[in-house]
């Protein structure tokens, strides 16, 4: 399926799309507008053809025919006159996808959600460390507690500098 920019003016290649900075949504692209077609009966068409100087004749089967060519030998080429079905005006669309870049707020929210996801494993390790402190197997540590407060506030530094005692409890 084709992917376009947000204005639907440029078709994008897969290599042009950065899913970290935007999303792709389903949409439609206007291909053509078709005008209304007024319906006409066979009788109306025969009247129009006759008014244009063309010869029409009714066949033995009751159908009307437009005489296209008359030959010297008396033979004729004819085409059946068929009614024109009325059609309402309509637009023709193609299903496409549109790449919509994230807003600054959306990018910030995605970043915070990624940090929250990463934080869950670290919080579990902290809980294990805290239980070890309560049971006397570990010593209370002010640096770990400051790191914990930074982690709760989703400070970037908390993810970059995980204390060694907490690292020990990750995935244990």
N, C-alpha and C. Protein backbone atom coordinates (compact mmCIF):
# COMPACT_ATOMS: atom_id res chain seq x y z
N UNK A 1 0.85 -1.17 0.00
CA UNK A 1 0.00 0.00 0.00
C UNK A 1 0.90 1.24 0.00
N UNK A 2 0.50 2.24 -0.75
CA UNK A 2 1.29 3.46 -0.85
C UNK A 2 1.23 4.24 0.46
N UNK A 3 2.36 4.89 0.79
CA UNK A 3 2.44 5.73 1.97
C UNK A 3 2.81 7.14 1.52
N UNK A 4 2.04 8.13 1.98
CA UNK A 4 2.26 9.51 1.59
C UNK A 4 2.62 10.36 2.80
N UNK A 5 3.15 11.55 2.51
CA UNK A 5 3.41 12.50 3.59
C UNK A 5 2.07 13.02 4.12
N UNK A 6 2.12 13.83 5.15
CA UNK A 6 0.89 14.29 5.81
C UNK A 6 -0.01 15.08 4.87
N UNK A 7 0.57 15.80 3.89
CA UNK A 7 -0.22 16.59 2.95
C UNK A 7 -0.71 15.77 1.76
N UNK A 8 -0.30 14.52 1.69
CA UNK A 8 -0.66 13.61 0.59
C UNK A 8 -0.15 14.12 -0.76
N UNK A 9 1.01 14.80 -0.73
CA UNK A 9 1.58 15.33 -1.97
C UNK A 9 2.79 14.55 -2.44
N UNK A 10 3.43 13.82 -1.52
CA UNK A 10 4.64 13.08 -1.87
C UNK A 10 4.50 11.65 -1.39
N UNK A 11 4.74 10.71 -2.31
CA UNK A 11 4.74 9.30 -1.90
C UNK A 11 6.09 8.99 -1.25
N UNK A 12 6.03 8.36 -0.09
CA UNK A 12 7.23 8.05 0.67
C UNK A 12 7.65 6.61 0.44
N UNK A 13 8.94 6.39 0.52
CA UNK A 13 9.48 5.04 0.47
C UNK A 13 9.62 4.57 1.92
N UNK A 14 9.65 3.29 2.13
CA UNK A 14 9.77 2.73 3.48
C UNK A 14 11.02 3.25 4.17
N UNK A 15 12.07 3.48 3.41
CA UNK A 15 13.33 3.97 3.99
C UNK A 15 13.19 5.40 4.52
N UNK A 16 12.21 6.16 4.03
CA UNK A 16 11.99 7.54 4.45
C UNK A 16 11.22 7.65 5.76
N UNK A 17 10.71 6.54 6.26
CA UNK A 17 9.81 6.57 7.41
C UNK A 17 10.55 6.19 8.68
N UNK A 18 10.47 7.05 9.68
CA UNK A 18 11.07 6.79 10.99
C UNK A 18 9.93 6.60 11.98
N UNK A 19 9.68 5.35 12.35
CA UNK A 19 8.55 5.04 13.23
C UNK A 19 8.77 5.54 14.66
N UNK A 20 9.99 5.95 14.99
CA UNK A 20 10.24 6.55 16.30
C UNK A 20 9.78 8.00 16.34
N UNK A 21 9.68 8.62 15.18
CA UNK A 21 9.32 10.03 15.12
C UNK A 21 7.92 10.29 14.57
N UNK A 22 7.21 9.22 14.17
CA UNK A 22 5.87 9.41 13.64
C UNK A 22 5.16 8.08 13.50
N UNK A 23 3.91 8.15 13.04
CA UNK A 23 3.10 6.95 12.88
C UNK A 23 2.44 6.95 11.50
N UNK A 24 2.01 5.78 11.08
CA UNK A 24 1.34 5.63 9.79
C UNK A 24 -0.12 5.28 10.07
N UNK A 25 -1.03 6.03 9.43
CA UNK A 25 -2.46 5.80 9.62
C UNK A 25 -3.14 5.57 8.27
N UNK A 26 -4.23 4.84 8.31
CA UNK A 26 -4.99 4.56 7.08
C UNK A 26 -5.71 5.83 6.64
N UNK A 27 -5.78 6.03 5.33
CA UNK A 27 -6.44 7.20 4.78
C UNK A 27 -6.88 6.87 3.36
N UNK A 28 -7.42 7.86 2.68
CA UNK A 28 -7.86 7.70 1.29
C UNK A 28 -7.33 8.88 0.48
N UNK A 29 -7.04 8.61 -0.80
CA UNK A 29 -6.56 9.63 -1.71
C UNK A 29 -7.56 9.75 -2.86
N UNK A 30 -8.00 10.98 -3.15
CA UNK A 30 -8.94 11.21 -4.24
C UNK A 30 -8.25 10.93 -5.57
N UNK A 31 -8.80 10.01 -6.33
CA UNK A 31 -8.24 9.66 -7.64
C UNK A 31 -8.94 10.46 -8.75
N UNK A 32 -10.25 10.49 -8.70
CA UNK A 32 -11.00 11.19 -9.74
C UNK A 32 -12.41 11.52 -9.24
N UNK A 33 -12.94 12.60 -9.80
CA UNK A 33 -14.33 12.96 -9.53
C UNK A 33 -15.12 12.64 -10.80
N UNK A 34 -16.20 11.93 -10.66
CA UNK A 34 -17.05 11.58 -11.80
C UNK A 34 -18.34 12.36 -11.70
N UNK A 35 -18.63 13.09 -12.77
CA UNK A 35 -19.85 13.91 -12.80
C UNK A 35 -21.09 13.03 -12.93
N UNK A 36 -22.20 13.61 -12.62
CA UNK A 36 -23.49 12.91 -12.72
C UNK A 36 -23.78 12.62 -14.21
N UNK A 37 -24.35 11.47 -14.45
CA UNK A 37 -24.75 11.10 -15.81
C UNK A 37 -26.28 11.06 -15.81
N UNK A 38 -26.85 11.91 -16.66
CA UNK A 38 -28.31 11.95 -16.75
C UNK A 38 -28.79 10.74 -17.55
N UNK A 39 -29.73 10.04 -17.00
CA UNK A 39 -30.26 8.87 -17.70
C UNK A 39 -31.17 9.28 -18.86
N UNK A 40 -31.16 8.45 -19.90
CA UNK A 40 -32.02 8.71 -21.06
C UNK A 40 -32.61 7.39 -21.53
N UNK A 41 -33.87 7.47 -21.94
CA UNK A 41 -34.53 6.27 -22.46
C UNK A 41 -34.13 6.08 -23.92
N UNK A 42 -34.41 4.92 -24.45
CA UNK A 42 -34.11 4.62 -25.85
C UNK A 42 -34.85 5.61 -26.74
N UNK A 43 -36.10 5.91 -26.41
CA UNK A 43 -36.91 6.82 -27.22
C UNK A 43 -36.29 8.22 -27.26
N UNK A 44 -35.78 8.70 -26.09
CA UNK A 44 -35.13 10.01 -26.05
C UNK A 44 -33.88 10.03 -26.91
N UNK A 45 -33.11 8.95 -26.86
CA UNK A 45 -31.89 8.87 -27.65
C UNK A 45 -32.21 8.83 -29.15
N UNK A 46 -33.25 8.11 -29.54
CA UNK A 46 -33.66 8.03 -30.95
C UNK A 46 -34.04 9.42 -31.43
N UNK A 47 -34.77 10.19 -30.59
CA UNK A 47 -35.15 11.56 -30.97
C UNK A 47 -33.91 12.43 -31.16
N UNK A 48 -32.93 12.31 -30.26
CA UNK A 48 -31.71 13.10 -30.38
C UNK A 48 -30.94 12.74 -31.65
N UNK A 49 -30.79 11.44 -31.92
CA UNK A 49 -30.07 11.00 -33.11
C UNK A 49 -30.76 11.49 -34.38
N UNK A 50 -32.06 11.42 -34.40
CA UNK A 50 -32.83 11.89 -35.56
C UNK A 50 -32.65 13.39 -35.73
N UNK A 51 -32.66 14.13 -34.62
CA UNK A 51 -32.46 15.59 -34.68
C UNK A 51 -31.07 15.93 -35.20
N UNK A 52 -30.10 15.05 -35.02
CA UNK A 52 -28.74 15.26 -35.52
C UNK A 52 -28.60 14.83 -36.99
N UNK A 53 -29.71 14.35 -37.58
CA UNK A 53 -29.69 13.96 -38.98
C UNK A 53 -29.31 12.51 -39.21
N UNK A 54 -29.26 11.74 -38.15
CA UNK A 54 -28.92 10.33 -38.30
C UNK A 54 -30.19 9.52 -38.53
N UNK A 55 -30.01 8.39 -39.21
CA UNK A 55 -31.15 7.52 -39.51
C UNK A 55 -31.27 6.44 -38.43
N UNK A 56 -32.46 6.30 -37.88
CA UNK A 56 -32.73 5.26 -36.90
C UNK A 56 -33.93 4.45 -37.40
N UNK A 57 -33.90 3.18 -37.10
CA UNK A 57 -35.04 2.34 -37.51
C UNK A 57 -35.29 1.28 -36.44
N UNK A 58 -36.54 0.92 -36.35
CA UNK A 58 -36.93 -0.10 -35.38
C UNK A 58 -36.89 -1.45 -36.06
N UNK A 59 -36.21 -2.38 -35.42
CA UNK A 59 -36.08 -3.71 -35.99
C UNK A 59 -37.31 -4.56 -35.71
N UNK A 60 -37.34 -5.73 -36.34
CA UNK A 60 -38.44 -6.66 -36.17
C UNK A 60 -38.53 -7.15 -34.73
N UNK A 61 -37.40 -7.07 -34.01
CA UNK A 61 -37.38 -7.50 -32.60
C UNK A 61 -37.90 -6.43 -31.66
N UNK A 62 -38.29 -5.24 -32.21
CA UNK A 62 -38.82 -4.15 -31.40
C UNK A 62 -37.75 -3.22 -30.87
N UNK A 63 -36.48 -3.52 -31.12
CA UNK A 63 -35.39 -2.67 -30.64
C UNK A 63 -35.09 -1.60 -31.68
N UNK A 64 -34.57 -0.48 -31.21
CA UNK A 64 -34.18 0.61 -32.10
C UNK A 64 -32.70 0.48 -32.45
N UNK A 65 -32.40 0.81 -33.72
CA UNK A 65 -31.03 0.71 -34.22
C UNK A 65 -30.64 2.02 -34.90
N UNK A 66 -29.37 2.42 -34.69
CA UNK A 66 -28.79 3.58 -35.36
C UNK A 66 -28.09 3.05 -36.60
N UNK A 67 -28.44 3.58 -37.75
CA UNK A 67 -27.83 3.15 -39.00
C UNK A 67 -26.49 3.87 -39.11
N UNK A 68 -25.41 3.12 -39.05
CA UNK A 68 -24.07 3.69 -39.06
C UNK A 68 -23.59 3.89 -40.50
N UNK A 69 -23.77 2.87 -41.32
CA UNK A 69 -23.31 2.93 -42.72
C UNK A 69 -24.37 2.29 -43.62
N UNK A 70 -24.59 2.93 -44.79
CA UNK A 70 -25.48 2.35 -45.81
C UNK A 70 -24.62 2.08 -47.04
N UNK A 71 -24.66 0.85 -47.52
CA UNK A 71 -23.85 0.45 -48.67
C UNK A 71 -24.67 0.58 -49.95
N UNK A 72 -23.96 0.72 -51.09
CA UNK A 72 -24.62 0.84 -52.40
C UNK A 72 -25.50 -0.37 -52.70
N UNK A 73 -25.11 -1.49 -52.19
CA UNK A 73 -25.88 -2.71 -52.45
C UNK A 73 -27.16 -2.77 -51.61
N UNK A 74 -27.33 -1.77 -50.72
CA UNK A 74 -28.54 -1.75 -49.88
C UNK A 74 -28.30 -2.30 -48.49
N UNK A 75 -27.13 -2.85 -48.23
CA UNK A 75 -26.83 -3.36 -46.90
C UNK A 75 -26.55 -2.22 -45.92
N UNK A 76 -26.69 -2.52 -44.65
CA UNK A 76 -26.50 -1.50 -43.62
C UNK A 76 -25.73 -2.08 -42.44
N UNK A 77 -24.89 -1.21 -41.86
CA UNK A 77 -24.29 -1.52 -40.56
C UNK A 77 -25.10 -0.73 -39.53
N UNK A 78 -25.54 -1.43 -38.49
CA UNK A 78 -26.36 -0.77 -37.47
C UNK A 78 -25.81 -1.08 -36.08
N UNK A 79 -26.12 -0.17 -35.15
CA UNK A 79 -25.80 -0.39 -33.74
C UNK A 79 -27.07 -0.22 -32.94
N UNK A 80 -27.26 -1.09 -32.00
CA UNK A 80 -28.46 -1.01 -31.16
C UNK A 80 -28.38 0.24 -30.29
N UNK A 81 -29.48 0.95 -30.22
CA UNK A 81 -29.58 2.12 -29.35
C UNK A 81 -29.99 1.61 -27.98
N UNK A 82 -29.13 1.86 -26.98
CA UNK A 82 -29.42 1.37 -25.62
C UNK A 82 -29.60 2.54 -24.67
N UNK A 83 -30.49 2.38 -23.76
CA UNK A 83 -30.76 3.43 -22.78
C UNK A 83 -29.50 3.71 -21.95
N UNK A 84 -29.38 4.96 -21.53
CA UNK A 84 -28.27 5.35 -20.67
C UNK A 84 -28.79 5.37 -19.25
N UNK A 85 -28.12 4.60 -18.42
CA UNK A 85 -28.53 4.51 -17.01
C UNK A 85 -28.07 5.76 -16.27
N UNK A 86 -28.93 6.31 -15.45
CA UNK A 86 -28.58 7.49 -14.68
C UNK A 86 -27.62 7.10 -13.56
N UNK A 87 -26.58 7.93 -13.38
CA UNK A 87 -25.63 7.70 -12.29
C UNK A 87 -25.39 9.02 -11.57
N UNK A 88 -25.39 8.96 -10.26
CA UNK A 88 -25.10 10.14 -9.47
C UNK A 88 -23.61 10.44 -9.53
N UNK A 89 -23.26 11.68 -9.26
CA UNK A 89 -21.85 12.06 -9.20
C UNK A 89 -21.20 11.32 -8.04
N UNK A 90 -19.94 10.96 -8.21
CA UNK A 90 -19.23 10.28 -7.13
C UNK A 90 -17.73 10.52 -7.27
N UNK A 91 -17.05 10.32 -6.14
CA UNK A 91 -15.60 10.45 -6.11
C UNK A 91 -14.98 9.07 -6.00
N UNK A 92 -13.89 8.89 -6.70
CA UNK A 92 -13.16 7.61 -6.68
C UNK A 92 -11.91 7.79 -5.81
N UNK A 93 -11.75 6.90 -4.84
CA UNK A 93 -10.63 7.00 -3.90
C UNK A 93 -9.75 5.76 -3.96
N UNK A 94 -8.49 5.94 -3.56
CA UNK A 94 -7.55 4.84 -3.40
C UNK A 94 -7.19 4.75 -1.92
N UNK A 95 -7.18 3.55 -1.39
CA UNK A 95 -6.76 3.35 0.00
C UNK A 95 -5.25 3.55 0.08
N UNK A 96 -4.84 4.40 1.00
CA UNK A 96 -3.42 4.69 1.19
C UNK A 96 -3.13 4.74 2.69
N UNK A 97 -1.89 5.01 3.02
CA UNK A 97 -1.49 5.28 4.39
C UNK A 97 -0.77 6.63 4.39
N UNK A 98 -0.89 7.33 5.51
CA UNK A 98 -0.27 8.64 5.64
C UNK A 98 0.65 8.62 6.86
N UNK A 99 1.87 9.11 6.65
CA UNK A 99 2.85 9.22 7.74
C UNK A 99 2.63 10.55 8.43
N UNK A 100 2.34 10.48 9.73
CA UNK A 100 2.10 11.69 10.52
C UNK A 100 3.18 11.79 11.59
N UNK A 101 4.01 12.82 11.50
CA UNK A 101 5.05 12.99 12.53
C UNK A 101 4.41 13.28 13.88
N UNK A 102 5.05 12.78 14.94
CA UNK A 102 4.58 13.06 16.28
C UNK A 102 4.83 14.53 16.63
N UNK A 103 3.95 15.09 17.45
CA UNK A 103 4.17 16.44 17.96
C UNK A 103 5.23 16.36 19.05
N UNK A 104 5.74 17.50 19.46
CA UNK A 104 6.73 17.53 20.54
C UNK A 104 6.15 16.91 21.81
N UNK A 105 4.88 17.19 22.08
CA UNK A 105 4.24 16.62 23.27
C UNK A 105 4.14 15.10 23.17
N UNK A 106 3.79 14.60 21.98
CA UNK A 106 3.70 13.15 21.80
C UNK A 106 5.07 12.49 21.92
N UNK A 107 6.10 13.15 21.37
CA UNK A 107 7.45 12.61 21.48
C UNK A 107 7.89 12.55 22.94
N UNK A 108 7.57 13.60 23.70
CA UNK A 108 7.92 13.62 25.11
C UNK A 108 7.17 12.52 25.86
N UNK A 109 5.89 12.34 25.57
CA UNK A 109 5.09 11.30 26.23
C UNK A 109 5.62 9.90 25.89
N UNK A 110 6.00 9.69 24.62
CA UNK A 110 6.57 8.40 24.23
C UNK A 110 7.88 8.15 24.97
N UNK A 111 8.68 9.18 25.09
CA UNK A 111 9.95 9.05 25.80
C UNK A 111 9.70 8.69 27.27
N UNK A 112 8.74 9.38 27.88
CA UNK A 112 8.43 9.11 29.30
C UNK A 112 7.88 7.69 29.47
N UNK A 113 7.06 7.24 28.53
CA UNK A 113 6.54 5.88 28.60
C UNK A 113 7.66 4.84 28.46
N UNK A 114 8.63 5.14 27.60
CA UNK A 114 9.78 4.23 27.45
C UNK A 114 10.57 4.17 28.75
N UNK A 115 10.74 5.33 29.39
CA UNK A 115 11.44 5.35 30.68
C UNK A 115 10.65 4.58 31.74
N UNK A 116 9.34 4.74 31.75
CA UNK A 116 8.50 4.01 32.71
C UNK A 116 8.64 2.50 32.51
N UNK A 117 8.69 2.09 31.25
CA UNK A 117 8.85 0.67 30.95
C UNK A 117 10.20 0.16 31.46
N UNK A 118 11.25 0.93 31.17
CA UNK A 118 12.60 0.53 31.63
C UNK A 118 12.68 0.56 33.15
N UNK A 119 11.94 1.46 33.77
CA UNK A 119 12.00 1.63 35.22
C UNK A 119 11.44 0.41 35.95
N UNK A 120 10.49 -0.30 35.36
CA UNK A 120 9.84 -1.41 36.07
C UNK A 120 10.84 -2.46 36.52
N UNK A 121 11.79 -2.81 35.68
CA UNK A 121 12.80 -3.80 36.06
C UNK A 121 13.70 -3.27 37.18
N UNK A 122 14.02 -1.98 37.12
CA UNK A 122 14.87 -1.39 38.14
C UNK A 122 14.14 -1.29 39.48
N UNK A 123 12.84 -0.98 39.43
CA UNK A 123 12.06 -0.93 40.67
C UNK A 123 11.97 -2.31 41.32
N UNK A 124 11.84 -3.34 40.51
CA UNK A 124 11.81 -4.71 41.04
C UNK A 124 13.14 -5.04 41.71
N UNK A 125 14.25 -4.63 41.11
CA UNK A 125 15.57 -4.87 41.70
C UNK A 125 15.72 -4.08 43.00
N UNK A 126 15.21 -2.85 43.02
CA UNK A 126 15.26 -2.04 44.24
C UNK A 126 14.47 -2.71 45.36
N UNK A 127 13.29 -3.24 45.03
CA UNK A 127 12.47 -3.93 46.04
C UNK A 127 13.24 -5.11 46.64
N UNK A 128 13.95 -5.84 45.80
CA UNK A 128 14.74 -6.97 46.31
C UNK A 128 15.86 -6.47 47.23
N UNK A 129 16.52 -5.38 46.82
CA UNK A 129 17.59 -4.80 47.65
C UNK A 129 17.02 -4.33 48.99
N UNK A 130 15.85 -3.67 48.93
CA UNK A 130 15.23 -3.14 50.15
C UNK A 130 14.86 -4.28 51.11
N UNK A 131 14.35 -5.38 50.58
CA UNK A 131 14.04 -6.54 51.43
C UNK A 131 15.32 -7.10 52.05
N UNK A 132 16.39 -7.10 51.27
CA UNK A 132 17.67 -7.59 51.80
C UNK A 132 18.16 -6.67 52.92
N UNK A 133 17.93 -5.36 52.78
CA UNK A 133 18.31 -4.41 53.84
C UNK A 133 17.48 -4.70 55.10
N UNK A 134 16.17 -4.90 54.92
CA UNK A 134 15.30 -5.17 56.06
C UNK A 134 15.67 -6.48 56.77
N UNK A 135 16.17 -7.43 56.03
CA UNK A 135 16.56 -8.72 56.61
C UNK A 135 18.00 -8.72 57.12
N UNK A 136 18.69 -7.59 56.94
CA UNK A 136 20.05 -7.48 57.45
C UNK A 136 21.11 -8.06 56.54
N UNK A 137 20.75 -8.44 55.31
CA UNK A 137 21.73 -9.00 54.38
C UNK A 137 22.47 -7.93 53.58
N UNK A 138 21.90 -6.71 53.58
CA UNK A 138 22.51 -5.58 52.88
C UNK A 138 22.53 -4.40 53.84
N UNK A 139 23.41 -3.46 53.58
CA UNK A 139 23.49 -2.24 54.38
C UNK A 139 22.69 -1.14 53.70
N UNK A 140 21.99 -0.35 54.51
CA UNK A 140 21.26 0.80 53.97
C UNK A 140 22.28 1.75 53.35
N UNK A 141 21.90 2.38 52.26
CA UNK A 141 22.86 3.20 51.52
C UNK A 141 22.15 4.47 51.06
N UNK A 142 22.64 5.65 51.48
CA UNK A 142 22.03 6.93 51.11
C UNK A 142 22.12 7.16 49.59
N UNK A 143 23.19 6.71 48.96
CA UNK A 143 23.36 6.89 47.51
C UNK A 143 22.30 6.08 46.75
N UNK A 144 22.00 4.89 47.24
CA UNK A 144 20.96 4.07 46.60
C UNK A 144 19.60 4.74 46.78
N UNK A 145 19.37 5.30 47.96
CA UNK A 145 18.08 5.96 48.21
C UNK A 145 17.93 7.21 47.33
N UNK A 146 19.02 7.96 47.12
CA UNK A 146 18.96 9.13 46.22
C UNK A 146 18.70 8.66 44.79
N UNK A 147 19.35 7.59 44.38
CA UNK A 147 19.12 7.02 43.05
C UNK A 147 17.65 6.61 42.90
N UNK A 148 17.10 6.01 43.96
CA UNK A 148 15.70 5.57 43.95
C UNK A 148 14.77 6.77 43.75
N UNK A 149 15.01 7.88 44.45
CA UNK A 149 14.18 9.07 44.28
C UNK A 149 14.29 9.60 42.85
N UNK A 150 15.49 9.59 42.30
CA UNK A 150 15.68 10.02 40.91
C UNK A 150 14.93 9.10 39.95
N UNK A 151 14.95 7.82 40.25
CA UNK A 151 14.25 6.84 39.42
C UNK A 151 12.75 7.08 39.45
N UNK A 152 12.22 7.35 40.64
CA UNK A 152 10.78 7.63 40.75
C UNK A 152 10.40 8.88 39.96
N UNK A 153 11.31 9.86 39.92
CA UNK A 153 11.05 11.10 39.17
C UNK A 153 11.39 10.97 37.68
N UNK A 154 11.78 9.78 37.26
CA UNK A 154 12.15 9.49 35.87
C UNK A 154 13.29 10.38 35.38
N UNK A 155 14.26 10.62 36.26
CA UNK A 155 15.45 11.37 35.88
C UNK A 155 16.34 10.48 35.02
N UNK A 156 16.84 11.02 33.92
CA UNK A 156 17.68 10.25 32.99
C UNK A 156 18.91 9.67 33.70
N UNK A 157 19.48 10.42 34.63
CA UNK A 157 20.69 9.99 35.33
C UNK A 157 20.48 8.67 36.06
N UNK A 158 19.26 8.43 36.53
CA UNK A 158 18.98 7.18 37.25
C UNK A 158 19.13 5.97 36.35
N UNK A 159 18.88 6.13 35.07
CA UNK A 159 18.98 5.02 34.13
C UNK A 159 20.43 4.82 33.67
N UNK A 160 21.19 5.90 33.73
CA UNK A 160 22.58 5.84 33.29
C UNK A 160 23.51 5.32 34.39
N UNK A 161 23.16 5.59 35.64
CA UNK A 161 24.04 5.23 36.77
C UNK A 161 23.30 4.37 37.78
N UNK A 162 23.06 3.15 37.42
CA UNK A 162 22.42 2.19 38.33
C UNK A 162 23.46 1.73 39.35
N UNK A 163 23.18 1.88 40.63
CA UNK A 163 24.17 1.47 41.64
C UNK A 163 24.51 -0.01 41.52
N UNK A 164 25.77 -0.36 41.79
CA UNK A 164 26.18 -1.77 41.68
C UNK A 164 25.33 -2.71 42.53
N UNK A 165 24.91 -2.29 43.72
CA UNK A 165 24.10 -3.16 44.58
C UNK A 165 22.74 -3.44 43.94
N UNK A 166 22.19 -2.49 43.18
CA UNK A 166 20.91 -2.70 42.50
C UNK A 166 21.14 -3.58 41.27
N UNK A 167 22.25 -3.37 40.58
CA UNK A 167 22.57 -4.20 39.41
C UNK A 167 22.65 -5.67 39.80
N UNK A 168 23.13 -5.91 41.00
CA UNK A 168 23.24 -7.29 41.48
C UNK A 168 21.85 -7.97 41.53
N UNK A 169 20.81 -7.19 41.86
CA UNK A 169 19.48 -7.76 42.03
C UNK A 169 18.64 -7.77 40.74
N UNK A 170 19.17 -7.22 39.66
CA UNK A 170 18.42 -7.24 38.38
C UNK A 170 18.39 -8.67 37.87
N UNK A 171 17.22 -9.13 37.51
CA UNK A 171 16.98 -10.47 36.96
C UNK A 171 17.40 -11.58 37.91
N UNK A 172 17.28 -11.37 39.19
CA UNK A 172 17.56 -12.42 40.16
C UNK A 172 16.28 -12.82 40.82
